[in-house]
């Protein structure tokens, strides 16, 4: 293990057991579709496991580069895409409602008053 000296502060890297790393990566890969962003999933899982967010993020990147969890990644990508499409659909529905209201407003304004 290396010790890094930074002024008077000694920084020592944390060494976690392989089981902890594997569990953190597995949880992120399985549940990242449940969060608004992958970073939010990493941050939440890291906090729950009392780990640093950046440490878990690096573990996930290394696992993805090694080809681990590709099935979970593709499933999560589909969930992320589905969530984005649902958000866009909701936004478009709101736009349609606004346009309907504007159309009825301008239609009333263009019609001459009847006696």
PDB file of N, CA and C in Angstrom:
ATOM      1  N   UNK A   1       0.847  -1.164   0.000  1.00  0.00           N
ATOM      2  CA  UNK A   1       0.000   0.000   0.000  1.00  0.00           C
ATOM      3  C   UNK A   1       0.894   1.229   0.000  1.00  0.00           C
ATOM      4  N   UNK A   2       0.506   2.208  -0.816  1.00  0.00           N
ATOM      5  CA  UNK A   2       1.283   3.438  -0.890  1.00  0.00           C
ATOM      6  C   UNK A   2       0.709   4.469   0.066  1.00  0.00           C
ATOM      7  N   UNK A   3       1.586   5.284   0.584  1.00  0.00           N
ATOM      8  CA  UNK A   3       1.181   6.399   1.419  1.00  0.00           C
ATOM      9  C   UNK A   3       1.541   7.675   0.681  1.00  0.00           C
ATOM     10  N   UNK A   4       0.604   8.585   0.577  1.00  0.00           N
ATOM     11  CA  UNK A   4       0.838   9.829  -0.128  1.00  0.00           C
ATOM     12  C   UNK A   4       0.954  10.955   0.890  1.00  0.00           C
ATOM     13  N   UNK A   5       1.996  11.764   0.750  1.00  0.00           N
ATOM     14  CA  UNK A   5       2.196  12.897   1.638  1.00  0.00           C
ATOM     15  C   UNK A   5       1.756  14.158   0.919  1.00  0.00           C
ATOM     16  N   UNK A   6       0.886  14.899   1.537  1.00  0.00           N
ATOM     17  CA  UNK A   6       0.408  16.145   0.973  1.00  0.00           C
ATOM     18  C   UNK A   6       0.523  17.186   2.080  1.00  0.00           C
ATOM     19  N   UNK A   7       1.650  17.870   2.097  1.00  0.00           N
ATOM     20  CA  UNK A   7       1.901  18.797   3.188  1.00  0.00           C
ATOM     21  C   UNK A   7       2.077  18.003   4.469  1.00  0.00           C
ATOM     22  N   UNK A   8       1.301  18.316   5.493  1.00  0.00           N
ATOM     23  CA  UNK A   8       1.371  17.587   6.751  1.00  0.00           C
ATOM     24  C   UNK A   8       0.328  16.478   6.831  1.00  0.00           C
ATOM     25  N   UNK A   9      -0.539  16.400   5.832  1.00  0.00           N
ATOM     26  CA  UNK A   9      -1.608  15.413   5.845  1.00  0.00           C
ATOM     27  C   UNK A   9      -1.141  14.156   5.124  1.00  0.00           C
ATOM     28  N   UNK A  10      -1.390  13.011   5.713  1.00  0.00           N
ATOM     29  CA  UNK A  10      -1.046  11.741   5.084  1.00  0.00           C
ATOM     30  C   UNK A  10      -2.339  11.136   4.546  1.00  0.00           C
ATOM     31  N   UNK A  11      -2.365  10.915   3.237  1.00  0.00           N
ATOM     32  CA  UNK A  11      -3.533  10.312   2.608  1.00  0.00           C
ATOM     33  C   UNK A  11      -3.243   8.853   2.333  1.00  0.00           C
ATOM     34  N   UNK A  12      -4.116   7.984   2.803  1.00  0.00           N
ATOM     35  CA  UNK A  12      -3.954   6.560   2.543  1.00  0.00           C
ATOM     36  C   UNK A  12      -5.192   6.076   1.810  1.00  0.00           C
ATOM     37  N   UNK A  13      -5.013   5.384   0.722  1.00  0.00           N
ATOM     38  CA  UNK A  13      -6.183   4.906  -0.016  1.00  0.00           C
ATOM     39  C   UNK A  13      -6.946   3.846   0.771  1.00  0.00           C
ATOM     40  N   UNK A  14      -8.262   3.865   0.632  1.00  0.00           N
ATOM     41  CA  UNK A  14      -9.091   2.840   1.265  1.00  0.00           C
ATOM     42  C   UNK A  14      -9.050   1.577   0.427  1.00  0.00           C
ATOM     43  N   UNK A  15      -8.924   0.459   1.071  1.00  0.00           N
ATOM     44  CA  UNK A  15      -8.935  -0.823   0.374  1.00  0.00           C
ATOM     45  C   UNK A  15     -10.192  -1.557   0.825  1.00  0.00           C
ATOM     46  N   UNK A  16     -11.055  -1.846  -0.129  1.00  0.00           N
ATOM     47  CA  UNK A  16     -12.308  -2.515   0.175  1.00  0.00           C
ATOM     48  C   UNK A  16     -12.238  -3.959  -0.298  1.00  0.00           C
ATOM     49  N   UNK A  17     -12.895  -4.859   0.400  1.00  0.00           N
ATOM     50  CA  UNK A  17     -12.929  -6.256  -0.044  1.00  0.00           C
ATOM     51  C   UNK A  17     -13.627  -6.368  -1.399  1.00  0.00           C
ATOM     52  N   UNK A  18     -13.276  -7.390  -2.138  1.00  0.00           N
ATOM     53  CA  UNK A  18     -13.852  -7.607  -3.467  1.00  0.00           C
ATOM     54  C   UNK A  18     -15.369  -7.759  -3.393  1.00  0.00           C
ATOM     55  N   UNK A  19     -15.869  -8.361  -2.309  1.00  0.00           N
ATOM     56  CA  UNK A  19     -17.315  -8.556  -2.172  1.00  0.00           C
ATOM     57  C   UNK A  19     -18.048  -7.217  -2.127  1.00  0.00           C
ATOM     58  N   UNK A  20     -17.449  -6.245  -1.438  1.00  0.00           N
ATOM     59  CA  UNK A  20     -18.071  -4.925  -1.332  1.00  0.00           C
ATOM     60  C   UNK A  20     -18.108  -4.269  -2.708  1.00  0.00           C
ATOM     61  N   UNK A  21     -16.986  -4.350  -3.425  1.00  0.00           N
ATOM     62  CA  UNK A  21     -16.928  -3.779  -4.774  1.00  0.00           C
ATOM     63  C   UNK A  21     -17.971  -4.415  -5.684  1.00  0.00           C
ATOM     64  N   UNK A  22     -18.016  -5.744  -5.667  1.00  0.00           N
ATOM     65  CA  UNK A  22     -18.940  -6.462  -6.543  1.00  0.00           C
ATOM     66  C   UNK A  22     -20.394  -6.123  -6.213  1.00  0.00           C
ATOM     67  N   UNK A  23     -20.695  -6.032  -4.922  1.00  0.00           N
ATOM     68  CA  UNK A  23     -22.066  -5.720  -4.516  1.00  0.00           C
ATOM     69  C   UNK A  23     -22.451  -4.306  -4.951  1.00  0.00           C
ATOM     70  N   UNK A  24     -21.544  -3.357  -4.764  1.00  0.00           N
ATOM     71  CA  UNK A  24     -21.829  -1.972  -5.149  1.00  0.00           C
ATOM     72  C   UNK A  24     -22.063  -1.863  -6.656  1.00  0.00           C
ATOM     73  N   UNK A  25     -21.198  -2.499  -7.433  1.00  0.00           N
ATOM     74  CA  UNK A  25     -21.338  -2.454  -8.894  1.00  0.00           C
ATOM     75  C   UNK A  25     -22.634  -3.132  -9.322  1.00  0.00           C
ATOM     76  N   UNK A  26     -22.927  -4.277  -8.742  1.00  0.00           N
ATOM     77  CA  UNK A  26     -24.146  -5.010  -9.091  1.00  0.00           C
ATOM     78  C   UNK A  26     -25.384  -4.175  -8.780  1.00  0.00           C
ATOM     79  N   UNK A  27     -25.401  -3.545  -7.603  1.00  0.00           N
ATOM     80  CA  UNK A  27     -26.547  -2.720  -7.226  1.00  0.00           C
ATOM     81  C   UNK A  27     -26.735  -1.543  -8.180  1.00  0.00           C
ATOM     82  N   UNK A  28     -25.629  -0.906  -8.556  1.00  0.00           N
ATOM     83  CA  UNK A  28     -25.729   0.228  -9.483  1.00  0.00           C
ATOM     84  C   UNK A  28     -26.261  -0.239 -10.830  1.00  0.00           C
ATOM     85  N   UNK A  29     -25.705  -1.342 -11.339  1.00  0.00           N
ATOM     86  CA  UNK A  29     -26.136  -1.831 -12.652  1.00  0.00           C
ATOM     87  C   UNK A  29     -27.595  -2.280 -12.642  1.00  0.00           C
ATOM     88  N   UNK A  30     -28.039  -2.857 -11.546  1.00  0.00           N
ATOM     89  CA  UNK A  30     -29.415  -3.339 -11.468  1.00  0.00           C
ATOM     90  C   UNK A  30     -30.426  -2.218 -11.252  1.00  0.00           C
ATOM     91  N   UNK A  31     -30.023  -1.178 -10.524  1.00  0.00           N
ATOM     92  CA  UNK A  31     -30.994  -0.167 -10.105  1.00  0.00           C
ATOM     93  C   UNK A  31     -30.815   1.195 -10.752  1.00  0.00           C
ATOM     94  N   UNK A  32     -29.890   1.351 -11.676  1.00  0.00           N
ATOM     95  CA  UNK A  32     -29.707   2.689 -12.235  1.00  0.00           C
ATOM     96  C   UNK A  32     -30.898   3.135 -13.071  1.00  0.00           C
ATOM     97  N   UNK A  33     -31.702   2.193 -13.534  1.00  0.00           N
ATOM     98  CA  UNK A  33     -32.925   2.562 -14.243  1.00  0.00           C
ATOM     99  C   UNK A  33     -33.992   3.137 -13.327  1.00  0.00           C
ATOM    100  N   UNK A  34     -33.842   2.943 -12.022  1.00  0.00           N
ATOM    101  CA  UNK A  34     -34.818   3.440 -11.052  1.00  0.00           C
ATOM    102  C   UNK A  34     -34.588   4.904 -10.689  1.00  0.00           C
ATOM    103  N   UNK A  35     -33.493   5.485 -11.162  1.00  0.00           N
ATOM    104  CA  UNK A  35     -33.125   6.851 -10.804  1.00  0.00           C
ATOM    105  C   UNK A  35     -33.134   7.733 -12.045  1.00  0.00           C
ATOM    106  N   UNK A  36     -33.187   9.035 -11.823  1.00  0.00           N
ATOM    107  CA  UNK A  36     -33.220   9.986 -12.935  1.00  0.00           C
ATOM    108  C   UNK A  36     -31.928   9.969 -13.740  1.00  0.00           C
ATOM    109  N   UNK A  37     -30.812   9.690 -13.083  1.00  0.00           N
ATOM    110  CA  UNK A  37     -29.535   9.629 -13.791  1.00  0.00           C
ATOM    111  C   UNK A  37     -28.679   8.525 -13.175  1.00  0.00           C
ATOM    112  N   UNK A  38     -27.692   8.116 -13.930  1.00  0.00           N
ATOM    113  CA  UNK A  38     -26.793   7.085 -13.425  1.00  0.00           C
ATOM    114  C   UNK A  38     -26.013   7.610 -12.223  1.00  0.00           C
ATOM    115  N   UNK A  39     -25.624   8.888 -12.279  1.00  0.00           N
ATOM    116  CA  UNK A  39     -24.872   9.463 -11.170  1.00  0.00           C
ATOM    117  C   UNK A  39     -25.702   9.453  -9.888  1.00  0.00           C
ATOM    118  N   UNK A  40     -26.982   9.737 -10.004  1.00  0.00           N
ATOM    119  CA  UNK A  40     -27.850   9.708  -8.819  1.00  0.00           C
ATOM    120  C   UNK A  40     -27.906   8.304  -8.224  1.00  0.00           C
ATOM    121  N   UNK A  41     -27.964   7.295  -9.086  1.00  0.00           N
ATOM    122  CA  UNK A  41     -27.964   5.907  -8.606  1.00  0.00           C
ATOM    123  C   UNK A  41     -26.657   5.601  -7.883  1.00  0.00           C
ATOM    124  N   UNK A  42     -25.550   5.999  -8.489  1.00  0.00           N
ATOM    125  CA  UNK A  42     -24.238   5.756  -7.880  1.00  0.00           C
ATOM    126  C   UNK A  42     -24.141   6.462  -6.538  1.00  0.00           C
ATOM    127  N   UNK A  43     -24.561   7.732  -6.499  1.00  0.00           N
ATOM    128  CA  UNK A  43     -24.465   8.512  -5.264  1.00  0.00           C
ATOM    129  C   UNK A  43     -25.311   7.900  -4.152  1.00  0.00           C
ATOM    130  N   UNK A  44     -26.530   7.511  -4.479  1.00  0.00           N
ATOM    131  CA  UNK A  44     -27.438   6.948  -3.479  1.00  0.00           C
ATOM    132  C   UNK A  44     -26.916   5.620  -2.937  1.00  0.00           C
ATOM    133  N   UNK A  45     -26.485   4.752  -3.832  1.00  0.00           N
ATOM    134  CA  UNK A  45     -25.983   3.442  -3.403  1.00  0.00           C
ATOM    135  C   UNK A  45     -24.689   3.599  -2.617  1.00  0.00           C
ATOM    136  N   UNK A  46     -23.833   4.519  -3.041  1.00  0.00           N
ATOM    137  CA  UNK A  46     -22.587   4.766  -2.307  1.00  0.00           C
ATOM    138  C   UNK A  46     -22.886   5.245  -0.890  1.00  0.00           C
ATOM    139  N   UNK A  47     -23.847   6.148  -0.753  1.00  0.00           N
ATOM    140  CA  UNK A  47     -24.208   6.637   0.582  1.00  0.00           C
ATOM    141  C   UNK A  47     -24.750   5.513   1.456  1.00  0.00           C
ATOM    142  N   UNK A  48     -25.603   4.668   0.884  1.00  0.00           N
ATOM    143  CA  UNK A  48     -26.190   3.567   1.658  1.00  0.00           C
ATOM    144  C   UNK A  48     -25.139   2.569   2.116  1.00  0.00           C
ATOM    145  N   UNK A  49     -24.084   2.408   1.308  1.00  0.00           N
ATOM    146  CA  UNK A  49     -23.037   1.448   1.658  1.00  0.00           C
ATOM    147  C   UNK A  49     -21.864   2.118   2.374  1.00  0.00           C
ATOM    148  N   UNK A  50     -22.001   3.403   2.697  1.00  0.00           N
ATOM    149  CA  UNK A  50     -20.954   4.185   3.367  1.00  0.00           C
ATOM    150  C   UNK A  50     -19.657   4.195   2.563  1.00  0.00           C
ATOM    151  N   UNK A  51     -19.788   4.430   1.262  1.00  0.00           N
ATOM    152  CA  UNK A  51     -18.637   4.508   0.369  1.00  0.00           C
ATOM    153  C   UNK A  51     -18.612   5.893  -0.259  1.00  0.00           C
ATOM    154  N   UNK A  52     -17.479   6.239  -0.832  1.00  0.00           N
ATOM    155  CA  UNK A  52     -17.373   7.508  -1.538  1.00  0.00           C
ATOM    156  C   UNK A  52     -17.969   7.345  -2.931  1.00  0.00           C
ATOM    157  N   UNK A  53     -18.674   8.364  -3.363  1.00  0.00           N
ATOM    158  CA  UNK A  53     -19.350   8.323  -4.660  1.00  0.00           C
ATOM    159  C   UNK A  53     -18.365   8.087  -5.792  1.00  0.00           C
ATOM    160  N   UNK A  54     -17.261   8.795  -5.778  1.00  0.00           N
ATOM    161  CA  UNK A  54     -16.280   8.669  -6.859  1.00  0.00           C
ATOM    162  C   UNK A  54     -15.688   7.264  -6.911  1.00  0.00           C
ATOM    163  N   UNK A  55     -15.496   6.648  -5.770  1.00  0.00           N
ATOM    164  CA  UNK A  55     -14.965   5.285  -5.725  1.00  0.00           C
ATOM    165  C   UNK A  55     -15.917   4.327  -6.425  1.00  0.00           C
ATOM    166  N   UNK A  56     -17.192   4.421  -6.110  1.00  0.00           N
ATOM    167  CA  UNK A  56     -18.184   3.536  -6.730  1.00  0.00           C
ATOM    168  C   UNK A  56     -18.280   3.823  -8.225  1.00  0.00           C
ATOM    169  N   UNK A  57     -18.218   5.100  -8.606  1.00  0.00           N
ATOM    170  CA  UNK A  57     -18.287   5.457 -10.024  1.00  0.00           C
ATOM    171  C   UNK A  57     -17.137   4.826 -10.798  1.00  0.00           C
ATOM    172  N   UNK A  58     -15.939   4.866 -10.238  1.00  0.00           N
ATOM    173  CA  UNK A  58     -14.770   4.259 -10.890  1.00  0.00           C
ATOM    174  C   UNK A  58     -14.951   2.748 -10.995  1.00  0.00           C
ATOM    175  N   UNK A  59     -15.454   2.114  -9.951  1.00  0.00           N
ATOM    176  CA  UNK A  59     -15.686   0.660  -9.994  1.00  0.00           C
ATOM    177  C   UNK A  59     -16.675   0.304 -11.100  1.00  0.00           C
ATOM    178  N   UNK A  60     -17.736   1.096 -11.229  1.00  0.00           N
ATOM    179  CA  UNK A  60     -18.743   0.828 -12.263  1.00  0.00           C
ATOM    180  C   UNK A  60     -18.126   0.990 -13.644  1.00  0.00           C
ATOM    181  N   UNK A  61     -17.346   2.052 -13.844  1.00  0.00           N
ATOM    182  CA  UNK A  61     -16.698   2.274 -15.149  1.00  0.00           C
ATOM    183  C   UNK A  61     -15.750   1.122 -15.490  1.00  0.00           C
ATOM    184  N   UNK A  62     -14.999   0.669 -14.510  1.00  0.00           N
ATOM    185  CA  UNK A  62     -14.074  -0.445 -14.758  1.00  0.00           C
ATOM    186  C   UNK A  62     -14.837  -1.722 -15.089  1.00  0.00           C
ATOM    187  N   UNK A  63     -15.935  -1.967 -14.397  1.00  0.00           N
ATOM    188  CA  UNK A  63     -16.743  -3.161 -14.665  1.00  0.00           C
ATOM    189  C   UNK A  63     -17.349  -3.096 -16.060  1.00  0.00           C
ATOM    190  N   UNK A  64     -17.795  -1.915 -16.465  1.00  0.00           N
ATOM    191  CA  UNK A  64     -18.356  -1.762 -17.807  1.00  0.00           C
ATOM    192  C   UNK A  64     -17.284  -1.956 -18.870  1.00  0.00           C
ATOM    193  N   UNK A  65     -16.095  -1.438 -18.615  1.00  0.00           N
ATOM    194  CA  UNK A  65     -15.001  -1.588 -19.574  1.00  0.00           C
ATOM    195  C   UNK A  65     -14.572  -3.045 -19.695  1.00  0.00           C
ATOM    196  N   UNK A  66     -14.663  -3.776 -18.582  1.00  0.00           N
ATOM    197  CA  UNK A  66     -14.280  -5.188 -18.592  1.00  0.00           C
ATOM    198  C   UNK A  66     -15.374  -6.057 -19.200  1.00  0.00           C
ATOM    199  N   UNK A  67     -16.535  -5.470 -19.446  1.00  0.00           N
ATOM    200  CA  UNK A  67     -17.627  -6.232 -20.045  1.00  0.00           C
ATOM    201  C   UNK A  67     -18.535  -6.884 -19.029  1.00  0.00           C
ATOM    202  N   UNK A  68     -18.362  -6.595 -17.763  1.00  0.00           N
ATOM    203  CA  UNK A  68     -19.238  -7.149 -16.727  1.00  0.00           C
ATOM    204  C   UNK A  68     -20.572  -6.420 -16.758  1.00  0.00           C
ATOM    205  N   UNK A  69     -21.640  -7.164 -16.562  1.00  0.00           N
ATOM    206  CA  UNK A  69     -22.958  -6.554 -16.427  1.00  0.00           C
ATOM    207  C   UNK A  69     -23.515  -5.965 -17.705  1.00  0.00           C
ATOM    208  N   UNK A  70     -23.113  -6.471 -18.861  1.00  0.00           N
ATOM    209  CA  UNK A  70     -23.611  -5.899 -20.108  1.00  0.00           C
ATOM    210  C   UNK A  70     -25.105  -6.140 -20.259  1.00  0.00           C
ATOM    211  N   UNK A  71     -25.583  -7.280 -19.782  1.00  0.00           N
ATOM    212  CA  UNK A  71     -27.025  -7.549 -19.872  1.00  0.00           C
ATOM    213  C   UNK A  71     -27.799  -6.556 -19.011  1.00  0.00           C
ATOM    214  N   UNK A  72     -27.314  -6.337 -17.807  1.00  0.00           N
ATOM    215  CA  UNK A  72     -27.977  -5.381 -16.919  1.00  0.00           C
ATOM    216  C   UNK A  72     -27.887  -3.976 -17.500  1.00  0.00           C
ATOM    217  N   UNK A  73     -26.766  -3.667 -18.141  1.00  0.00           N
ATOM    218  CA  UNK A  73     -26.601  -2.339 -18.724  1.00  0.00           C
ATOM    219  C   UNK A  73     -27.592  -2.122 -19.855  1.00  0.00           C
ATOM    220  N   UNK A  74     -27.776  -3.130 -20.718  1.00  0.00           N
ATOM    221  CA  UNK A  74     -28.708  -2.957 -21.831  1.00  0.00           C
ATOM    222  C   UNK A  74     -30.146  -2.847 -21.323  1.00  0.00           C
ATOM    223  N   UNK A  75     -30.488  -3.600 -20.293  1.00  0.00           N
ATOM    224  CA  UNK A  75     -31.827  -3.501 -19.708  1.00  0.00           C
ATOM    225  C   UNK A  75     -32.019  -2.123 -19.081  1.00  0.00           C
ATOM    226  N   UNK A  76     -30.998  -1.633 -18.406  1.00  0.00           N
ATOM    227  CA  UNK A  76     -31.089  -0.317 -17.785  1.00  0.00           C
ATOM    228  C   UNK A  76     -31.186   0.773 -18.841  1.00  0.00           C
ATOM    229  N   UNK A  77     -30.465   0.614 -19.947  1.00  0.00           N
ATOM    230  CA  UNK A  77     -30.537   1.602 -21.019  1.00  0.00           C
ATOM    231  C   UNK A  77     -31.947   1.663 -21.582  1.00  0.00           C
ATOM    232  N   UNK A  78     -32.583   0.514 -21.717  1.00  0.00           N
ATOM    233  CA  UNK A  78     -33.958   0.483 -22.214  1.00  0.00           C
ATOM    234  C   UNK A  78     -34.895   1.178 -21.226  1.00  0.00           C
ATOM    235  N   UNK A  79     -34.682   0.952 -19.939  1.00  0.00           N
ATOM    236  CA  UNK A  79     -35.507   1.606 -18.925  1.00  0.00           C
ATOM    237  C   UNK A  79     -35.291   3.112 -18.937  1.00  0.00           C
ATOM    238  N   UNK A  80     -34.039   3.521 -19.114  1.00  0.00           N
ATOM    239  CA  UNK A  80     -33.727   4.949 -19.165  1.00  0.00           C
ATOM    240  C   UNK A  80     -34.397   5.584 -20.379  1.00  0.00           C
ATOM    241  N   UNK A  81     -34.318   4.899 -21.520  1.00  0.00           N
ATOM    242  CA  UNK A  81     -34.951   5.419 -22.731  1.00  0.00           C
ATOM    243  C   UNK A  81     -36.469   5.496 -22.555  1.00  0.00           C
ATOM    244  N   UNK A  82     -37.060   4.471 -21.946  1.00  0.00           N
ATOM    245  CA  UNK A  82     -38.503   4.462 -21.710  1.00  0.00           C
ATOM    246  C   UNK A  82     -38.907   5.628 -20.813  1.00  0.00           C
ATOM    247  N   UNK A  83     -38.142   5.864 -19.757  1.00  0.00           N
ATOM    248  CA  UNK A  83     -38.442   6.968 -18.848  1.00  0.00           C
ATOM    249  C   UNK A  83     -38.353   8.308 -19.586  1.00  0.00           C
ATOM    250  N   UNK A  84     -37.324   8.462 -20.431  1.00  0.00           N
ATOM    251  CA  UNK A  84     -37.172   9.706 -21.190  1.00  0.00           C
ATOM    252  C   UNK A  84     -38.341   9.903 -22.154  1.00  0.00           C
ATOM    253  N   UNK A  85     -38.769   8.825 -22.800  1.00  0.00           N
ATOM    254  CA  UNK A  85     -39.898   8.923 -23.727  1.00  0.00           C
ATOM    255  C   UNK A  85     -41.196   9.257 -22.993  1.00  0.00           C
ATOM    256  N   UNK A  86     -41.371   8.703 -21.807  1.00  0.00           N
ATOM    257  CA  UNK A  86     -42.573   9.021 -21.020  1.00  0.00           C
ATOM    258  C   UNK A  86     -42.573  10.488 -20.601  1.00  0.00           C
ATOM    259  N   UNK A  87     -41.382  10.997 -20.215  1.00  0.00           N
ATOM    260  CA  UNK A  87     -41.272  12.406 -19.851  1.00  0.00           C
ATOM    261  C   UNK A  87     -41.631  13.297 -21.040  1.00  0.00           C
ATOM    262  N   UNK A  88     -41.081  12.938 -22.204  1.00  0.00           N
ATOM    263  CA  UNK A  88     -41.346  13.722 -23.408  1.00  0.00           C
ATOM    264  C   UNK A  88     -42.829  13.661 -23.766  1.00  0.00           C
ATOM    265  N   UNK A  89     -43.440  12.490 -23.625  1.00  0.00           N
ATOM    266  CA  UNK A  89     -44.865  12.335 -23.904  1.00  0.00           C
ATOM    267  C   UNK A  89     -45.691  13.236 -22.990  1.00  0.00           C
ATOM    268  N   UNK A  90     -45.363  13.267 -21.714  1.00  0.00           N
ATOM    269  CA  UNK A  90     -46.089  14.115 -20.767  1.00  0.00           C
ATOM    270  C   UNK A  90     -45.924  15.589 -21.141  1.00  0.00           C
ATOM    271  N   UNK A  91     -44.719  15.956 -21.541  1.00  0.00           N
ATOM    272  CA  UNK A  91     -44.459  17.339 -21.944  1.00  0.00           C
ATOM    273  C   UNK A  91     -45.283  17.702 -23.188  1.00  0.00           C
ATOM    274  N   UNK A  92     -45.344  16.792 -24.144  1.00  0.00           N
ATOM    275  CA  UNK A  92     -46.123  17.043 -25.360  1.00  0.00           C
ATOM    276  C   UNK A  92     -47.618  17.135 -25.057  1.00  0.00           C
ATOM    277  N   UNK A  93     -48.100  16.324 -24.121  1.00  0.00           N
ATOM    278  CA  UNK A  93     -49.513  16.403 -23.733  1.00  0.00           C
ATOM    279  C   UNK A  93     -49.833  17.757 -23.105  1.00  0.00           C
ATOM    280  N   UNK A  94     -48.906  18.283 -22.294  1.00  0.00           N
ATOM    281  CA  UNK A  94     -49.106  19.615 -21.713  1.00  0.00           C
ATOM    282  C   UNK A  94     -49.136  20.669 -22.812  1.00  0.00           C
ATOM    283  N   UNK A  95     -48.245  20.536 -23.789  1.00  0.00           N
ATOM    284  CA  UNK A  95     -48.203  21.481 -24.906  1.00  0.00           C
ATOM    285  C   UNK A  95     -49.512  21.458 -25.682  1.00  0.00           C
ATOM    286  N   UNK A  96     -50.052  20.275 -25.908  1.00  0.00           N
ATOM    287  CA  UNK A  96     -51.328  20.150 -26.621  1.00  0.00           C
ATOM    288  C   UNK A  96     -52.440  20.863 -25.856  1.00  0.00           C
ATOM    289  N   UNK A  97     -52.479  20.692 -24.539  1.00  0.00           N
ATOM    290  CA  UNK A  97     -53.503  21.358 -23.728  1.00  0.00           C
ATOM    291  C   UNK A  97     -53.379  22.874 -23.833  1.00  0.00           C
ATOM    292  N   UNK A  98     -52.148  23.378 -23.804  1.00  0.00           N
ATOM    293  CA  UNK A  98     -51.926  24.826 -23.920  1.00  0.00           C
ATOM    294  C   UNK A  98     -52.393  25.321 -25.283  1.00  0.00           C
ATOM    295  N   UNK A  99     -52.064  24.582 -26.328  1.00  0.00           N
ATOM    296  CA  UNK A  99     -52.471  24.978 -27.678  1.00  0.00           C
ATOM    297  C   UNK A  99     -53.990  24.938 -27.843  1.00  0.00           C
ATOM    298  N   UNK A 100     -54.647  23.954 -27.242  1.00  0.00           N
ATOM    299  CA  UNK A 100     -56.112  23.897 -27.303  1.00  0.00           C
ATOM    300  C   UNK A 100     -56.724  25.120 -26.630  1.00  0.00           C
ATOM    301  N   UNK A 101     -56.182  25.490 -25.465  1.00  0.00           N
ATOM    302  CA  UNK A 101     -56.693  26.656 -24.749  1.00  0.00           C
ATOM    303  C   UNK A 101     -56.465  27.927 -25.562  1.00  0.00           C
ATOM    304  N   UNK A 102     -55.299  28.052 -26.171  1.00  0.00           N
ATOM    305  CA  UNK A 102     -54.998  29.230 -26.983  1.00  0.00           C
ATOM    306  C   UNK A 102     -55.902  29.290 -28.206  1.00  0.00           C
ATOM    307  N   UNK A 103     -56.152  28.151 -28.823  1.00  0.00           N
ATOM    308  CA  UNK A 103     -57.019  28.104 -30.002  1.00  0.00           C
ATOM    309  C   UNK A 103     -58.428  28.555 -29.658  1.00  0.00           C
ATOM    310  N   UNK A 104     -58.963  28.058 -28.560  1.00  0.00           N
ATOM    311  CA  UNK A 104     -60.325  28.454 -28.174  1.00  0.00           C
ATOM    312  C   UNK A 104     -60.377  29.939 -27.809  1.00  0.00           C
ATOM    313  N   UNK A 105     -59.327  30.459 -27.189  1.00  0.00           N
ATOM    314  CA  UNK A 105     -59.276  31.878 -26.833  1.00  0.00           C
ATOM    315  C   UNK A 105     -59.308  32.737 -28.087  1.00  0.00           C
ATOM    316  N   UNK A 106     -58.455  32.414 -29.057  1.00  0.00           N
ATOM    317  CA  UNK A 106     -58.392  33.214 -30.274  1.00  0.00           C
ATOM    318  C   UNK A 106     -59.626  33.015 -31.146  1.00  0.00           C
ATOM    319  N   UNK A 107     -60.236  31.856 -31.094  1.00  0.00           N
ATOM    320  CA  UNK A 107     -61.457  31.624 -31.859  1.00  0.00           C
ATOM    321  C   UNK A 107     -62.589  32.495 -31.325  1.00  0.00           C
ATOM    322  N   UNK A 108     -62.683  32.652 -30.014  1.00  0.00           N
ATOM    323  CA  UNK A 108     -63.701  33.522 -29.411  1.00  0.00           C
ATOM    324  C   UNK A 108     -63.453  34.979 -29.772  1.00  0.00           C
ATOM    325  N   UNK A 109     -62.192  35.358 -29.849  1.00  0.00           N
ATOM    326  CA  UNK A 109     -61.846  36.737 -30.143  1.00  0.00           C
ATOM    327  C   UNK A 109     -62.173  37.094 -31.593  1.00  0.00           C
ATOM    328  N   UNK A 110     -62.045  36.145 -32.498  1.00  0.00           N
ATOM    329  CA  UNK A 110     -62.278  36.386 -33.922  1.00  0.00           C
ATOM    330  C   UNK A 110     -63.762  36.400 -34.275  1.00  0.00           C
ATOM    331  N   UNK A 111     -64.578  35.697 -33.528  1.00  0.00           N
ATOM    332  CA  UNK A 111     -66.015  35.659 -33.808  1.00  0.00           C
ATOM    333  C   UNK A 111     -66.657  36.978 -33.386  1.00  0.00           C
ATOM    334  N   UNK A 112     -67.459  37.561 -34.271  1.00  0.00           N
ATOM    335  CA  UNK A 112     -68.149  38.797 -33.876  1.00  0.00           C
ATOM    336  C   UNK A 112     -69.258  38.478 -32.877  1.00  0.00           C
ATOM    337  N   UNK A 113     -69.529  39.392 -31.986  1.00  0.00           N
ATOM    338  CA  UNK A 113     -70.612  39.152 -31.024  1.00  0.00           C
ATOM    339  C   UNK A 113     -71.955  39.070 -31.743  1.00  0.00           C
ATOM    340  N   UNK A 114     -72.783  38.135 -31.345  1.00  0.00           N
ATOM    341  CA  UNK A 114     -74.093  37.935 -31.971  1.00  0.00           C
ATOM    342  C   UNK A 114     -75.183  38.534 -31.094  1.00  0.00           C
ATOM    343  N   UNK A 115     -76.177  39.101 -31.777  1.00  0.00           N
ATOM    344  CA  UNK A 115     -77.284  39.715 -31.031  1.00  0.00           C
ATOM    345  C   UNK A 115     -78.550  38.983 -31.265  1.00  0.00           C
TER     346      UNK A 115
END
